[in-house]
Amino acid sequence: MSQRLWFTVVSFVVFAAFAAAPAAWADKTVKEKGRIVYHFVKVEVMEIGDVPGHILGIVDQRGLVTVDTGDVGTWSTKVVVDLMNGTGPHQAYSVTTFEDKSTTITQAKGVTTSRPDGTSTFEGTFTYIGGTGRFAGIKGGGSYAGKRMAPLSPGVPVDSFQDYAATYTLPSQ
């Protein structure tokens, strides 16, 4: 067999091996939707003093996440708000811990809007900034929208929910 034919055969075999490589070599992209149901654990609020109704606050929220993939987890978030009469921007950091102890960590930014009945709605976007276990190396993000179901009242836990849609990529194993 000539060197040229030998080189062609070997090149074809190498190309075929890589073309038929298992999908495990490729990153995995996931699209999911979920709902988070939670309540306020702690709220700290300070009036700014520039105009009536302008506050800064930090909120500790905890609850449960259900995902359309069948996953269930606990959710903990810390939110900073800058509100004028209940409306304004918010920023949050959240940790979700799933049953297998894998975690996702997100950073969110959005807007809270006060409603006449004392409840509020909110929406925004989030980015995955970390993960552990099966979520190690996660990249991506998504959007969310939700509602606080009752007015804030000192000492009374307030139920809230948010629905989200996410797209993320996990590195190959």
Protein backbone atom coordinates (compact mmCIF):
# COMPACT_ATOMS: atom_id res chain seq x y z
CA MET A 1 0.00 0.00 0.00
CA SER A 2 1.44 3.33 -0.96
CA GLN A 3 2.09 6.00 1.65
CA ARG A 4 -0.51 8.26 0.10
CA LEU A 5 -3.24 5.58 0.26
CA TRP A 6 -2.18 4.65 3.80
CA PHE A 7 -2.40 8.33 4.87
CA THR A 8 -5.87 8.64 3.28
CA VAL A 9 -7.17 5.52 5.06
CA VAL A 10 -5.77 6.61 8.45
CA SER A 11 -7.16 10.15 7.99
CA PHE A 12 -10.58 8.75 7.16
CA VAL A 13 -10.58 6.45 10.23
CA VAL A 14 -9.55 9.34 12.54
CA PHE A 15 -12.19 11.65 11.04
CA ALA A 16 -14.90 8.96 11.36
CA ALA A 17 -13.97 8.32 15.01
CA PHE A 18 -14.33 12.00 15.91
CA ALA A 19 -17.52 12.45 13.86
CA ALA A 20 -19.14 9.53 15.68
CA ALA A 21 -17.88 10.62 19.12
CA PRO A 22 -20.44 10.30 21.90
CA ALA A 23 -22.62 13.28 22.76
CA ALA A 24 -21.05 13.25 26.24
CA TRP A 25 -18.11 15.14 24.74
CA ALA A 26 -20.37 18.10 23.99
CA ASP A 27 -21.73 20.63 26.47
CA LYS A 28 -25.36 20.02 27.43
CA THR A 29 -27.88 22.86 26.96
CA VAL A 30 -31.06 22.73 29.05
CA LYS A 31 -34.27 24.77 28.83
CA GLU A 32 -36.50 24.65 31.89
CA LYS A 33 -39.41 26.39 33.54
CA GLY A 34 -40.24 26.44 37.20
CA ARG A 35 -42.13 28.04 40.04
CA ILE A 36 -40.78 29.29 43.35
CA VAL A 37 -43.23 29.67 46.25
CA TYR A 38 -41.77 31.47 49.26
CA HIS A 39 -42.25 33.88 52.12
CA PHE A 40 -40.32 36.71 53.73
CA VAL A 41 -38.19 35.55 56.66
CA LYS A 42 -36.72 38.94 57.57
CA VAL A 43 -37.19 42.50 56.30
CA GLU A 44 -35.01 45.49 57.20
CA VAL A 45 -36.16 48.89 55.86
CA MET A 46 -34.66 52.37 56.15
CA GLU A 47 -36.31 55.59 55.03
CA ILE A 48 -34.01 57.72 52.88
CA GLY A 49 -35.49 61.04 54.01
CA ASP A 50 -35.28 62.81 50.68
CA VAL A 51 -39.00 62.49 49.85
CA PRO A 52 -41.86 60.64 51.60
CA GLY A 53 -42.09 56.94 50.68
CA HIS A 54 -38.47 56.48 49.51
CA ILE A 55 -36.90 53.44 51.21
CA LEU A 56 -33.94 51.12 50.96
CA GLY A 57 -34.47 47.60 52.20
CA ILE A 58 -32.91 44.17 52.43
CA VAL A 59 -35.11 41.09 52.48
CA ASP A 60 -34.37 37.44 53.35
CA GLN A 61 -36.77 35.09 51.54
CA ARG A 62 -37.03 31.29 51.62
CA GLY A 63 -39.20 28.72 49.94
CA LEU A 64 -39.50 25.79 47.54
CA VAL A 65 -38.71 25.43 43.85
CA THR A 66 -40.49 23.02 41.52
CA VAL A 67 -39.05 22.54 38.05
CA ASP A 68 -40.73 21.11 34.95
CA THR A 69 -37.90 18.53 34.80
CA GLY A 70 -39.25 16.99 38.03
CA ASP A 71 -36.59 18.53 40.27
CA VAL A 72 -37.57 19.99 43.63
CA GLY A 73 -35.37 22.15 45.81
CA THR A 74 -35.16 24.70 48.58
CA TRP A 75 -34.59 28.35 47.69
CA SER A 76 -32.94 31.10 49.71
CA THR A 77 -32.49 34.64 48.44
CA LYS A 78 -31.29 37.99 49.69
CA VAL A 79 -32.91 40.98 47.96
CA VAL A 80 -31.95 44.65 48.05
CA VAL A 81 -34.72 47.10 47.10
CA ASP A 82 -34.76 50.85 46.38
CA LEU A 83 -38.45 51.70 46.35
CA MET A 84 -40.47 54.88 45.94
CA ASN A 85 -43.96 54.19 47.37
CA GLY A 86 -43.40 50.47 46.77
CA THR A 87 -42.12 50.74 43.19
CA GLY A 88 -38.52 50.57 42.02
CA PRO A 89 -35.50 48.40 41.22
CA HIS A 90 -34.36 45.31 43.07
CA GLN A 91 -31.27 43.11 42.98
CA ALA A 92 -31.01 39.60 44.44
CA TYR A 93 -28.66 36.70 45.02
CA SER A 94 -30.25 33.26 45.31
CA VAL A 95 -29.08 29.76 46.19
CA THR A 96 -31.20 26.77 45.21
CA THR A 97 -30.34 23.42 46.81
CA PHE A 98 -31.80 20.31 45.17
CA GLU A 99 -32.50 16.92 46.74
CA ASP A 100 -29.12 15.54 45.63
CA LYS A 101 -27.39 18.53 47.36
CA SER A 102 -26.40 20.10 44.01
CA THR A 103 -26.82 23.89 44.00
CA THR A 104 -27.30 26.76 41.60
CA ILE A 105 -26.42 30.36 42.46
CA THR A 106 -27.99 33.25 40.58
CA GLN A 107 -27.81 37.02 40.46
CA ALA A 108 -31.05 38.80 39.50
CA LYS A 109 -32.02 42.35 38.60
CA GLY A 110 -35.52 43.61 38.07
CA VAL A 111 -38.33 45.97 38.94
CA THR A 112 -40.96 45.78 41.68
CA THR A 113 -44.28 47.51 41.02
CA SER A 114 -46.70 48.42 43.80
CA ARG A 115 -50.41 47.74 43.22
CA PRO A 116 -53.33 49.71 44.71
CA ASP A 117 -54.39 46.74 46.89
CA GLY A 118 -51.01 46.74 48.71
CA THR A 119 -49.61 43.72 46.88
CA SER A 120 -46.81 44.04 44.35
CA THR A 121 -45.66 42.43 41.15
CA PHE A 122 -42.10 42.02 40.00
CA GLU A 123 -40.15 40.91 36.99
CA GLY A 124 -36.57 40.75 35.82
CA THR A 125 -33.71 38.69 34.50
CA PHE A 126 -31.13 36.48 36.18
CA THR A 127 -27.72 35.00 35.44
CA TYR A 128 -26.23 31.80 36.82
CA ILE A 129 -23.04 32.80 38.64
CA GLY A 130 -22.15 29.40 40.11
CA GLY A 131 -23.17 25.87 40.88
CA THR A 132 -22.06 22.69 42.63
CA GLY A 133 -22.53 18.97 42.03
CA ARG A 134 -24.29 18.33 38.72
CA PHE A 135 -24.48 22.13 38.20
CA ALA A 136 -20.73 22.75 38.48
CA GLY A 137 -19.68 25.07 35.64
CA ILE A 138 -23.26 26.18 34.82
CA LYS A 139 -23.58 29.13 32.40
CA GLY A 140 -26.73 30.90 31.28
CA GLY A 141 -29.72 32.70 32.70
CA GLY A 142 -33.35 33.55 32.23
CA SER A 143 -36.29 35.71 33.21
CA TYR A 144 -38.85 35.73 36.00
CA ALA A 145 -42.15 37.34 36.99
CA GLY A 146 -44.19 37.02 40.15
CA LYS A 147 -46.41 38.52 42.81
CA ARG A 148 -46.41 39.22 46.54
CA MET A 149 -49.88 38.02 47.60
CA ALA A 150 -50.57 40.45 50.49
CA PRO A 151 -49.36 43.81 51.79
CA LEU A 152 -46.26 43.78 53.97
CA SER A 153 -47.13 43.81 57.64
CA PRO A 154 -44.64 43.62 60.55
CA GLY A 155 -44.38 40.12 62.01
CA VAL A 156 -46.70 38.53 59.43
CA PRO A 157 -45.14 36.15 56.88
CA VAL A 158 -46.20 37.14 53.38
CA ASP A 159 -46.52 34.48 50.70
CA SER A 160 -45.17 35.18 47.24
CA PHE A 161 -44.47 33.28 44.07
CA GLN A 162 -42.50 33.68 40.89
CA ASP A 163 -42.42 31.76 37.65
CA TYR A 164 -39.20 31.55 35.68
CA ALA A 165 -37.82 30.32 32.38
CA ALA A 166 -34.13 29.50 32.06
CA THR A 167 -31.66 28.31 29.48
CA TYR A 168 -28.31 27.06 30.71
CA THR A 169 -25.34 25.05 29.57
CA LEU A 170 -23.50 22.45 31.60
CA PRO A 171 -19.96 21.41 30.69
CA SER A 172 -19.42 17.90 29.38
CA GLN A 173 -18.49 15.31 31.98
